[in-house]
Amino acid sequence: MADDSGLSRTVRIVGTVVAPTTLVTALLFYFGWSHAYWFFEYFGVDSSLLGLTTRDYLMRSLDGLFVPMVVVACAGLVAVWTHTLLHPGTRTRLLPILVPVVGGVGGFLALIGLARVFGVRTPLDTFVSAVPLCLAVGVLLIAYAFYLWRLFRPAPRTQWRTMGEWLGVFILVGLSLFWAASDYSAAVGRSRAVEFVARLPAYPTVIVYSAKSLSLDVPGVVETRCSDPDAAYRYRYSGLKLLLQSGNQYVMVPEAWTPSRGVAVLLPRNDSLRLELRPPSPDRAAIPATC
């Protein structure tokens, strides 16, 4: 089949131009960046200040890509199995119905996606990744409708024309899936931030000891000055929870953090600070009032 040979040649060319390992790594890095950006944005922190490493981004990308990859894999298997189980004779009899139905549905879905590309709002905008998935599925259905039509109504076509059509399909579907995964990764990052805040009371309490006063004006954080003049750390701060330790700094939030009056604290990781992590306790009196 000309379509099959054109598809195979297109796959080889794309694989030659873009190294699969490099492409996958770049995509994972981007999705991890999106996840981290929206997670820390919820706390009012610019993720670029945290010095996150490539490993940090790759680990976070798994959280944002697991569900999309499972959905795409399952949908692909269902599509392949459905096409395989549909007997050629049955496809021939159903051709007058299959082609317009599949093509019409695909065209409708593709128009929804293209409308959003050009700035037109749709009711599906409120659903995460719905619009880009409409574009991807729509293009695939249109391509499949043309494939069925050519399968039983063959016409002379050059290999380069076939390759051009498959390349267009690859680009549109690839960008749509990239768009969908990016939206989902951002939504997961923000939802993980909401979950973190909901579970703040269950996380260990952090006691920060400092050689000098940090002048923290944060609601719920108590500064205590040590009475021992020979103490290496003269100031103690209670009422904090550790959000992240990355590079050479700590990111902390107060125990009573809320989106309306939330404050995040970035502290340098050096010898002038010492941290104690204690089991969470609703009883603030359980924490000694002196150093």
C-alpha atoms as a PDB file:
ATOM      1  CA  MET A   1       0.000   0.000   0.000  1.00  0.00           C
ATOM      2  CA  ALA A   2       1.246   3.507  -0.845  1.00  0.00           C
ATOM      3  CA  ASP A   3      -0.044   4.850   2.472  1.00  0.00           C
ATOM      4  CA  ASP A   4       1.849   2.215   4.441  1.00  0.00           C
ATOM      5  CA  SER A   5       5.118   2.826   2.613  1.00  0.00           C
ATOM      6  CA  GLY A   6       4.692   6.573   2.955  1.00  0.00           C
ATOM      7  CA  LEU A   7       4.057   6.215   6.683  1.00  0.00           C
ATOM      8  CA  SER A   8       7.107   4.004   7.159  1.00  0.00           C
ATOM      9  CA  ARG A   9       9.337   6.406   5.231  1.00  0.00           C
ATOM     10  CA  THR A  10       8.004   9.387   7.193  1.00  0.00           C
ATOM     11  CA  VAL A  11       8.729   7.637  10.505  1.00  0.00           C
ATOM     12  CA  ARG A  12      12.301   6.875   9.401  1.00  0.00           C
ATOM     13  CA  ILE A  13      12.913  10.472   8.314  1.00  0.00           C
ATOM     14  CA  VAL A  14      11.521  11.933  11.553  1.00  0.00           C
ATOM     15  CA  GLY A  15      13.585   9.464  13.586  1.00  0.00           C
ATOM     16  CA  THR A  16      16.716  10.444  11.673  1.00  0.00           C
ATOM     17  CA  VAL A  17      16.213  14.206  12.030  1.00  0.00           C
ATOM     18  CA  VAL A  18      15.127  14.133  15.692  1.00  0.00           C
ATOM     19  CA  ALA A  19      16.909  11.669  17.984  1.00  0.00           C
ATOM     20  CA  PRO A  20      14.147   9.902  19.985  1.00  0.00           C
ATOM     21  CA  THR A  21      16.108   9.935  23.260  1.00  0.00           C
ATOM     22  CA  THR A  22      16.863  13.656  23.004  1.00  0.00           C
ATOM     23  CA  LEU A  23      13.260  14.458  22.137  1.00  0.00           C
ATOM     24  CA  VAL A  24      11.840  12.420  25.021  1.00  0.00           C
ATOM     25  CA  THR A  25      14.277  13.969  27.513  1.00  0.00           C
ATOM     26  CA  ALA A  26      13.425  17.477  26.320  1.00  0.00           C
ATOM     27  CA  LEU A  27       9.700  16.797  26.609  1.00  0.00           C
ATOM     28  CA  LEU A  28      10.048  15.299  30.095  1.00  0.00           C
ATOM     29  CA  PHE A  29      12.106  18.315  31.180  1.00  0.00           C
ATOM     30  CA  TYR A  30       9.453  20.717  29.885  1.00  0.00           C
ATOM     31  CA  PHE A  31       6.579  18.876  31.555  1.00  0.00           C
ATOM     32  CA  GLY A  32       8.523  18.753  34.829  1.00  0.00           C
ATOM     33  CA  TRP A  33       9.207  22.478  34.555  1.00  0.00           C
ATOM     34  CA  SER A  34       5.498  23.154  34.002  1.00  0.00           C
ATOM     35  CA  HIS A  35       4.599  20.987  37.019  1.00  0.00           C
ATOM     36  CA  ALA A  36       7.137  22.778  39.262  1.00  0.00           C
ATOM     37  CA  TYR A  37       6.213  26.251  38.014  1.00  0.00           C
ATOM     38  CA  TRP A  38       2.530  25.914  38.843  1.00  0.00           C
ATOM     39  CA  PHE A  39       3.174  24.069  42.129  1.00  0.00           C
ATOM     40  CA  PHE A  40       5.344  26.851  43.548  1.00  0.00           C
ATOM     41  CA  GLU A  41       3.305  29.606  41.892  1.00  0.00           C
ATOM     42  CA  TYR A  42       0.469  28.578  44.200  1.00  0.00           C
ATOM     43  CA  PHE A  43       2.691  29.586  47.130  1.00  0.00           C
ATOM     44  CA  GLY A  44       3.796  32.807  45.429  1.00  0.00           C
ATOM     45  CA  VAL A  45       7.299  31.512  44.704  1.00  0.00           C
ATOM     46  CA  ASP A  46       9.023  31.820  41.336  1.00  0.00           C
ATOM     47  CA  SER A  47      10.420  28.344  40.634  1.00  0.00           C
ATOM     48  CA  SER A  48      13.401  29.863  38.793  1.00  0.00           C
ATOM     49  CA  LEU A  49      14.713  31.058  42.184  1.00  0.00           C
ATOM     50  CA  LEU A  50      14.977  27.541  43.572  1.00  0.00           C
ATOM     51  CA  GLY A  51      17.803  26.155  41.459  1.00  0.00           C
ATOM     52  CA  LEU A  52      15.953  22.959  40.610  1.00  0.00           C
ATOM     53  CA  THR A  53      18.094  20.445  38.740  1.00  0.00           C
ATOM     54  CA  THR A  54      17.320  18.482  35.603  1.00  0.00           C
ATOM     55  CA  ARG A  55      16.764  15.445  37.797  1.00  0.00           C
ATOM     56  CA  ASP A  56      14.171  17.373  39.830  1.00  0.00           C
ATOM     57  CA  TYR A  57      12.274  18.302  36.680  1.00  0.00           C
ATOM     58  CA  LEU A  58      12.410  14.778  35.254  1.00  0.00           C
ATOM     59  CA  MET A  59      11.090  13.299  38.507  1.00  0.00           C
ATOM     60  CA  ARG A  60       8.241  15.795  38.600  1.00  0.00           C
ATOM     61  CA  SER A  61       7.349  15.109  34.964  1.00  0.00           C
ATOM     62  CA  LEU A  62       6.400  11.524  35.839  1.00  0.00           C
ATOM     63  CA  ASP A  63       3.665  12.820  38.127  1.00  0.00           C
ATOM     64  CA  GLY A  64       2.240  14.954  35.328  1.00  0.00           C
ATOM     65  CA  LEU A  65       2.587  12.449  32.493  1.00  0.00           C
ATOM     66  CA  PHE A  66       1.526   9.119  34.003  1.00  0.00           C
ATOM     67  CA  VAL A  67      -2.209   9.518  33.362  1.00  0.00           C
ATOM     68  CA  PRO A  68      -1.872  11.050  29.847  1.00  0.00           C
ATOM     69  CA  MET A  69       0.510   8.269  28.759  1.00  0.00           C
ATOM     70  CA  VAL A  70      -1.842   5.567  30.072  1.00  0.00           C
ATOM     71  CA  VAL A  71      -4.841   7.173  28.328  1.00  0.00           C
ATOM     72  CA  VAL A  72      -3.022   7.571  24.997  1.00  0.00           C
ATOM     73  CA  ALA A  73      -1.683   3.990  25.135  1.00  0.00           C
ATOM     74  CA  CYS A  74      -5.128   2.541  25.914  1.00  0.00           C
ATOM     75  CA  ALA A  75      -6.819   4.642  23.222  1.00  0.00           C
ATOM     76  CA  GLY A  76      -4.201   3.558  20.672  1.00  0.00           C
ATOM     77  CA  LEU A  77      -4.670  -0.121  21.509  1.00  0.00           C
ATOM     78  CA  VAL A  78      -8.466   0.159  21.266  1.00  0.00           C
ATOM     79  CA  ALA A  79      -8.178   1.899  17.883  1.00  0.00           C
ATOM     80  CA  VAL A  80      -5.767  -0.716  16.485  1.00  0.00           C
ATOM     81  CA  TRP A  81      -7.794  -3.658  17.780  1.00  0.00           C
ATOM     82  CA  THR A  82     -11.031  -2.184  16.441  1.00  0.00           C
ATOM     83  CA  HIS A  83      -9.500  -1.707  13.003  1.00  0.00           C
ATOM     84  CA  THR A  84      -8.064  -5.249  13.064  1.00  0.00           C
ATOM     85  CA  LEU A  85     -11.318  -6.898  14.142  1.00  0.00           C
ATOM     86  CA  LEU A  86     -13.324  -5.080  11.503  1.00  0.00           C
ATOM     87  CA  HIS A  87     -13.377  -7.596   8.631  1.00  0.00           C
ATOM     88  CA  PRO A  88     -12.417  -6.185   5.219  1.00  0.00           C
ATOM     89  CA  GLY A  89     -15.749  -7.316   3.811  1.00  0.00           C
ATOM     90  CA  THR A  90     -17.573  -5.540   6.610  1.00  0.00           C
ATOM     91  CA  ARG A  91     -15.542  -2.395   6.033  1.00  0.00           C
ATOM     92  CA  THR A  92     -16.492  -2.536   2.340  1.00  0.00           C
ATOM     93  CA  ARG A  93     -20.210  -2.742   3.131  1.00  0.00           C
ATOM     94  CA  LEU A  94     -20.018  -0.035   5.772  1.00  0.00           C
ATOM     95  CA  LEU A  95     -17.826   2.276   3.682  1.00  0.00           C
ATOM     96  CA  PRO A  96     -20.673   4.624   2.622  1.00  0.00           C
ATOM     97  CA  ILE A  97     -21.507   5.110   6.322  1.00  0.00           C
ATOM     98  CA  LEU A  98     -18.049   4.901   7.925  1.00  0.00           C
ATOM     99  CA  VAL A  99     -16.327   7.511   5.795  1.00  0.00           C
ATOM    100  CA  PRO A 100     -18.814  10.391   6.267  1.00  0.00           C
ATOM    101  CA  VAL A 101     -19.457   9.584   9.942  1.00  0.00           C
ATOM    102  CA  VAL A 102     -15.787   9.223  10.901  1.00  0.00           C
ATOM    103  CA  GLY A 103     -14.764  12.183   8.761  1.00  0.00           C
ATOM    104  CA  GLY A 104     -17.632  14.357  10.025  1.00  0.00           C
ATOM    105  CA  VAL A 105     -16.895  13.641  13.694  1.00  0.00           C
ATOM    106  CA  GLY A 106     -13.200  14.211  13.072  1.00  0.00           C
ATOM    107  CA  GLY A 107     -13.859  17.507  11.308  1.00  0.00           C
ATOM    108  CA  PHE A 108     -16.103  18.729  14.144  1.00  0.00           C
ATOM    109  CA  LEU A 109     -13.529  17.866  16.802  1.00  0.00           C
ATOM    110  CA  ALA A 110     -10.696  19.393  14.785  1.00  0.00           C
ATOM    111  CA  LEU A 111     -12.665  22.642  14.380  1.00  0.00           C
ATOM    112  CA  ILE A 112     -13.068  22.868  18.168  1.00  0.00           C
ATOM    113  CA  GLY A 113      -9.313  22.571  18.614  1.00  0.00           C
ATOM    114  CA  LEU A 114      -8.496  25.000  15.803  1.00  0.00           C
ATOM    115  CA  ALA A 115     -10.971  27.526  17.157  1.00  0.00           C
ATOM    116  CA  ARG A 116      -9.050  27.647  20.433  1.00  0.00           C
ATOM    117  CA  VAL A 117      -5.751  27.969  18.545  1.00  0.00           C
ATOM    118  CA  PHE A 118      -7.056  31.171  16.951  1.00  0.00           C
ATOM    119  CA  GLY A 119      -8.367  32.563  20.233  1.00  0.00           C
ATOM    120  CA  VAL A 120     -12.032  31.547  20.002  1.00  0.00           C
ATOM    121  CA  ARG A 121     -13.438  30.409  23.357  1.00  0.00           C
ATOM    122  CA  THR A 122     -15.377  27.143  23.546  1.00  0.00           C
ATOM    123  CA  PRO A 123     -17.380  25.457  26.340  1.00  0.00           C
ATOM    124  CA  LEU A 124     -14.657  22.798  26.568  1.00  0.00           C
ATOM    125  CA  ASP A 125     -12.065  25.330  27.731  1.00  0.00           C
ATOM    126  CA  THR A 126     -13.065  24.663  31.338  1.00  0.00           C
ATOM    127  CA  PHE A 127     -11.986  21.023  31.085  1.00  0.00           C
ATOM    128  CA  VAL A 128      -8.285  20.238  31.399  1.00  0.00           C
ATOM    129  CA  SER A 129      -6.712  19.137  28.081  1.00  0.00           C
ATOM    130  CA  ALA A 130     -10.131  18.703  26.410  1.00  0.00           C
ATOM    131  CA  VAL A 131      -9.532  21.151  23.554  1.00  0.00           C
ATOM    132  CA  PRO A 132      -6.084  19.882  22.475  1.00  0.00           C
ATOM    133  CA  LEU A 133      -7.330  16.291  22.665  1.00  0.00           C
ATOM    134  CA  CYS A 134     -10.232  17.257  20.396  1.00  0.00           C
ATOM    135  CA  LEU A 135      -7.741  18.535  17.837  1.00  0.00           C
ATOM    136  CA  ALA A 136      -5.575  15.400  18.057  1.00  0.00           C
ATOM    137  CA  VAL A 137      -8.493  12.960  17.843  1.00  0.00           C
ATOM    138  CA  GLY A 138     -10.150  14.993  15.107  1.00  0.00           C
ATOM    139  CA  VAL A 139      -7.063  14.964  12.882  1.00  0.00           C
ATOM    140  CA  LEU A 140      -6.609  11.218  13.418  1.00  0.00           C
ATOM    141  CA  LEU A 141     -10.247  10.510  12.535  1.00  0.00           C
ATOM    142  CA  ILE A 142     -10.009  12.606   9.370  1.00  0.00           C
ATOM    143  CA  ALA A 143      -6.812  10.799   8.378  1.00  0.00           C
ATOM    144  CA  TYR A 144      -8.483   7.441   9.074  1.00  0.00           C
ATOM    145  CA  ALA A 145     -11.523   8.387   6.990  1.00  0.00           C
ATOM    146  CA  PHE A 146      -9.263   9.235   4.028  1.00  0.00           C
ATOM    147  CA  TYR A 147      -7.340   6.008   4.613  1.00  0.00           C
ATOM    148  CA  LEU A 148     -10.537   3.944   4.374  1.00  0.00           C
ATOM    149  CA  TRP A 149     -11.647   5.777   1.271  1.00  0.00           C
ATOM    150  CA  ARG A 150      -8.334   5.227  -0.506  1.00  0.00           C
ATOM    151  CA  LEU A 151      -8.194   1.613   0.649  1.00  0.00           C
ATOM    152  CA  PHE A 152     -11.240   0.735  -1.375  1.00  0.00           C
ATOM    153  CA  ARG A 153     -11.093   3.522  -3.944  1.00  0.00           C
ATOM    154  CA  PRO A 154      -7.412   3.449  -4.931  1.00  0.00           C
ATOM    155  CA  ALA A 155      -6.040   6.315  -6.981  1.00  0.00           C
ATOM    156  CA  PRO A 156      -2.516   7.030  -8.234  1.00  0.00           C
ATOM    157  CA  ARG A 157      -0.561   9.066  -5.660  1.00  0.00           C
ATOM    158  CA  THR A 158       3.121   9.890  -5.434  1.00  0.00           C
ATOM    159  CA  GLN A 159       5.155   8.751  -2.431  1.00  0.00           C
ATOM    160  CA  TRP A 160       6.189  12.316  -1.638  1.00  0.00           C
ATOM    161  CA  ARG A 161       2.560  13.425  -1.499  1.00  0.00           C
ATOM    162  CA  THR A 162       1.757  10.570   0.866  1.00  0.00           C
ATOM    163  CA  MET A 163       4.744  11.448   3.038  1.00  0.00           C
ATOM    164  CA  GLY A 164       3.663  15.079   3.138  1.00  0.00           C
ATOM    165  CA  GLU A 165       0.191  14.116   4.337  1.00  0.00           C
ATOM    166  CA  TRP A 166       1.528  11.812   7.067  1.00  0.00           C
ATOM    167  CA  LEU A 167       4.035  14.452   8.160  1.00  0.00           C
ATOM    168  CA  GLY A 168       1.215  16.977   8.523  1.00  0.00           C
ATOM    169  CA  VAL A 169      -0.754  14.481  10.604  1.00  0.00           C
ATOM    170  CA  PHE A 170       2.299  13.791  12.807  1.00  0.00           C
ATOM    171  CA  ILE A 171       2.907  17.495  13.400  1.00  0.00           C
ATOM    172  CA  LEU A 172      -0.709  18.335  14.252  1.00  0.00           C
ATOM    173  CA  VAL A 173      -1.249  15.293  16.472  1.00  0.00           C
ATOM    174  CA  GLY A 174       2.160  15.653  18.136  1.00  0.00           C
ATOM    175  CA  LEU A 175       1.657  19.329  18.948  1.00  0.00           C
ATOM    176  CA  SER A 176      -1.868  18.638  20.184  1.00  0.00           C
ATOM    177  CA  LEU A 177      -0.700  15.886  22.526  1.00  0.00           C
ATOM    178  CA  PHE A 178       2.151  18.119  23.683  1.00  0.00           C
ATOM    179  CA  TRP A 179      -0.387  20.864  24.387  1.00  0.00           C
ATOM    180  CA  ALA A 180      -2.692  18.458  26.240  1.00  0.00           C
ATOM    181  CA  ALA A 181       0.097  16.983  28.364  1.00  0.00           C
ATOM    182  CA  SER A 182       1.395  20.465  29.198  1.00  0.00           C
ATOM    183  CA  ASP A 183      -2.053  21.584  30.384  1.00  0.00           C
ATOM    184  CA  TYR A 184      -2.486  18.428  32.423  1.00  0.00           C
ATOM    185  CA  SER A 185       0.978  18.710  33.964  1.00  0.00           C
ATOM    186  CA  ALA A 186       0.253  22.299  35.026  1.00  0.00           C
ATOM    187  CA  ALA A 187      -3.090  21.256  36.525  1.00  0.00           C
ATOM    188  CA  VAL A 188      -1.425  18.404  38.421  1.00  0.00           C
ATOM    189  CA  GLY A 189       1.247  20.759  39.781  1.00  0.00           C
ATOM    190  CA  ARG A 190      -1.371  23.135  41.135  1.00  0.00           C
ATOM    191  CA  SER A 191      -3.521  20.316  42.547  1.00  0.00           C
ATOM    192  CA  ARG A 192      -0.464  18.878  44.339  1.00  0.00           C
ATOM    193  CA  ALA A 193       0.061  22.295  45.942  1.00  0.00           C
ATOM    194  CA  VAL A 194      -3.552  22.314  47.158  1.00  0.00           C
ATOM    195  CA  GLU A 195      -3.077  18.796  48.562  1.00  0.00           C
ATOM    196  CA  PHE A 196       0.127  19.865  50.318  1.00  0.00           C
ATOM    197  CA  VAL A 197      -1.656  22.749  52.041  1.00  0.00           C
ATOM    198  CA  ALA A 198      -4.519  20.470  53.096  1.00  0.00           C
ATOM    199  CA  ARG A 199      -2.025  18.083  54.720  1.00  0.00           C
ATOM    200  CA  LEU A 200       0.174  20.752  56.348  1.00  0.00           C
ATOM    201  CA  PRO A 201      -0.818  19.764  59.920  1.00  0.00           C
ATOM    202  CA  ALA A 202       0.435  16.222  59.287  1.00  0.00           C
ATOM    203  CA  TYR A 203       3.933  17.272  58.169  1.00  0.00           C
ATOM    204  CA  PRO A 204       6.821  17.557  60.663  1.00  0.00           C
ATOM    205  CA  THR A 205       7.243  20.887  62.409  1.00  0.00           C
ATOM    206  CA  VAL A 206      10.467  22.717  61.591  1.00  0.00           C
ATOM    207  CA  ILE A 207      12.365  24.633  64.264  1.00  0.00           C
ATOM    208  CA  VAL A 208      14.929  27.009  62.749  1.00  0.00           C
ATOM    209  CA  TYR A 209      17.936  28.059  64.818  1.00  0.00           C
ATOM    210  CA  SER A 210      19.928  31.032  63.536  1.00  0.00           C
ATOM    211  CA  ALA A 211      23.128  32.719  64.620  1.00  0.00           C
ATOM    212  CA  LYS A 212      21.604  36.115  63.812  1.00  0.00           C
ATOM    213  CA  SER A 213      18.099  37.495  63.800  1.00  0.00           C
ATOM    214  CA  LEU A 214      16.223  36.737  60.572  1.00  0.00           C
ATOM    215  CA  SER A 215      13.588  39.417  61.246  1.00  0.00           C
ATOM    216  CA  LEU A 216      10.820  37.167  60.006  1.00  0.00           C
ATOM    217  CA  ASP A 217       7.538  39.059  59.943  1.00  0.00           C
ATOM    218  CA  VAL A 218       5.381  36.048  59.123  1.00  0.00           C
ATOM    219  CA  PRO A 219       1.976  35.335  60.705  1.00  0.00           C
ATOM    220  CA  GLY A 220       2.179  32.328  63.036  1.00  0.00           C
ATOM    221  CA  VAL A 221       5.991  32.267  63.229  1.00  0.00           C
ATOM    222  CA  VAL A 222       7.389  32.980  66.698  1.00  0.00           C
ATOM    223  CA  GLU A 223      10.905  34.337  67.259  1.00  0.00           C
ATOM    224  CA  THR A 224      12.602  33.390  70.545  1.00  0.00           C
ATOM    225  CA  ARG A 225      15.925  34.863  71.633  1.00  0.00           C
ATOM    226  CA  CYS A 226      18.158  32.432  73.497  1.00  0.00           C
ATOM    227  CA  SER A 227      19.249  33.559  76.939  1.00  0.00           C
ATOM    228  CA  ASP A 228      22.589  31.725  76.838  1.00  0.00           C
ATOM    229  CA  PRO A 229      25.212  34.272  75.651  1.00  0.00           C
ATOM    230  CA  ASP A 230      27.537  31.447  74.537  1.00  0.00           C
ATOM    231  CA  ALA A 231      24.933  29.746  72.341  1.00  0.00           C
ATOM    232  CA  ALA A 232      26.028  29.260  68.745  1.00  0.00           C
ATOM    233  CA  TYR A 233      22.493  29.922  67.559  1.00  0.00           C
ATOM    234  CA  ARG A 234      20.947  32.854  69.421  1.00  0.00           C
ATOM    235  CA  TYR A 235      17.568  32.927  67.689  1.00  0.00           C
ATOM    236  CA  ARG A 236      14.929  30.296  67.256  1.00  0.00           C
ATOM    237  CA  TYR A 237      11.863  30.322  64.993  1.00  0.00           C
ATOM    238  CA  SER A 238       8.911  27.991  65.388  1.00  0.00           C
ATOM    239  CA  GLY A 239       5.683  27.567  63.448  1.00  0.00           C
ATOM    240  CA  LEU A 240       7.185  26.601  60.068  1.00  0.00           C
ATOM    241  CA  LYS A 241       6.816  23.670  57.693  1.00  0.00           C
ATOM    242  CA  LEU A 242       9.432  22.628  55.156  1.00  0.00           C
ATOM    243  CA  LEU A 243       8.171  22.846  51.592  1.00  0.00           C
ATOM    244  CA  LEU A 244      11.394  22.080  49.722  1.00  0.00           C
ATOM    245  CA  GLN A 245      15.148  21.888  50.111  1.00  0.00           C
ATOM    246  CA  SER A 246      16.797  22.573  46.781  1.00  0.00           C
ATOM    247  CA  GLY A 247      20.328  23.607  45.988  1.00  0.00           C
ATOM    248  CA  ASN A 248      21.550  25.919  48.724  1.00  0.00           C
ATOM    249  CA  GLN A 249      18.264  27.068  50.189  1.00  0.00           C
ATOM    250  CA  TYR A 250      15.208  25.997  52.129  1.00  0.00           C
ATOM    251  CA  VAL A 251      11.658  26.909  51.193  1.00  0.00           C
ATOM    252  CA  MET A 252       9.266  27.045  54.147  1.00  0.00           C
ATOM    253  CA  VAL A 253       5.692  28.087  54.803  1.00  0.00           C
ATOM    254  CA  PRO A 254       3.957  28.856  58.119  1.00  0.00           C
ATOM    255  CA  GLU A 255       1.801  26.173  59.694  1.00  0.00           C
ATOM    256  CA  ALA A 256      -1.334  28.254  59.157  1.00  0.00           C
ATOM    257  CA  TRP A 257      -0.600  29.040  55.495  1.00  0.00           C
ATOM    258  CA  THR A 258      -3.630  30.030  53.395  1.00  0.00           C
ATOM    259  CA  PRO A 259      -3.848  31.352  49.817  1.00  0.00           C
ATOM    260  CA  SER A 260      -5.336  34.644  51.049  1.00  0.00           C
ATOM    261  CA  ARG A 261      -2.562  35.500  53.531  1.00  0.00           C
ATOM    262  CA  GLY A 262       0.126  33.031  52.660  1.00  0.00           C
ATOM    263  CA  VAL A 263       3.810  33.888  52.964  1.00  0.00           C
ATOM    264  CA  ALA A 264       6.677  31.694  51.781  1.00  0.00           C
ATOM    265  CA  VAL A 265      10.123  31.960  53.364  1.00  0.00           C
ATOM    266  CA  LEU A 266      13.367  31.251  51.489  1.00  0.00           C
ATOM    267  CA  LEU A 267      16.376  30.710  53.747  1.00  0.00           C
ATOM    268  CA  PRO A 268      19.967  30.058  52.641  1.00  0.00           C
ATOM    269  CA  ARG A 269      21.446  26.700  53.516  1.00  0.00           C
ATOM    270  CA  ASN A 270      24.652  27.494  55.403  1.00  0.00           C
ATOM    271  CA  ASP A 271      26.389  27.080  58.752  1.00  0.00           C
ATOM    272  CA  SER A 272      24.512  30.003  60.306  1.00  0.00           C
ATOM    273  CA  LEU A 273      21.292  27.986  60.341  1.00  0.00           C
ATOM    274  CA  ARG A 274      20.320  24.749  62.016  1.00  0.00           C
ATOM    275  CA  LEU A 275      17.061  22.898  61.504  1.00  0.00           C
ATOM    276  CA  GLU A 276      15.164  20.598  63.831  1.00  0.00           C
ATOM    277  CA  LEU A 277      12.295  18.517  62.504  1.00  0.00           C
ATOM    278  CA  ARG A 278       9.796  17.392  65.114  1.00  0.00           C
ATOM    279  CA  PRO A 279       6.690  15.224  64.865  1.00  0.00           C
ATOM    280  CA  PRO A 280       3.571  17.282  64.178  1.00  0.00           C
ATOM    281  CA  SER A 281       1.694  18.265  67.295  1.00  0.00           C
ATOM    282  CA  PRO A 282      -1.413  20.427  67.648  1.00  0.00           C
ATOM    283  CA  ASP A 283      -0.182  21.431  71.083  1.00  0.00           C
ATOM    284  CA  ARG A 284       2.125  24.443  70.583  1.00  0.00           C
ATOM    285  CA  ALA A 285       2.959  24.279  74.276  1.00  0.00           C
ATOM    286  CA  ALA A 286       4.805  21.034  73.604  1.00  0.00           C
ATOM    287  CA  ILE A 287       7.555  23.096  71.950  1.00  0.00           C
ATOM    288  CA  PRO A 288       9.934  24.544  74.558  1.00  0.00           C
ATOM    289  CA  ALA A 289       9.728  28.316  74.890  1.00  0.00           C
ATOM    290  CA  THR A 290      13.460  28.688  75.437  1.00  0.00           C
ATOM    291  CA  CYS A 291      16.538  27.521  73.577  1.00  0.00           C
END
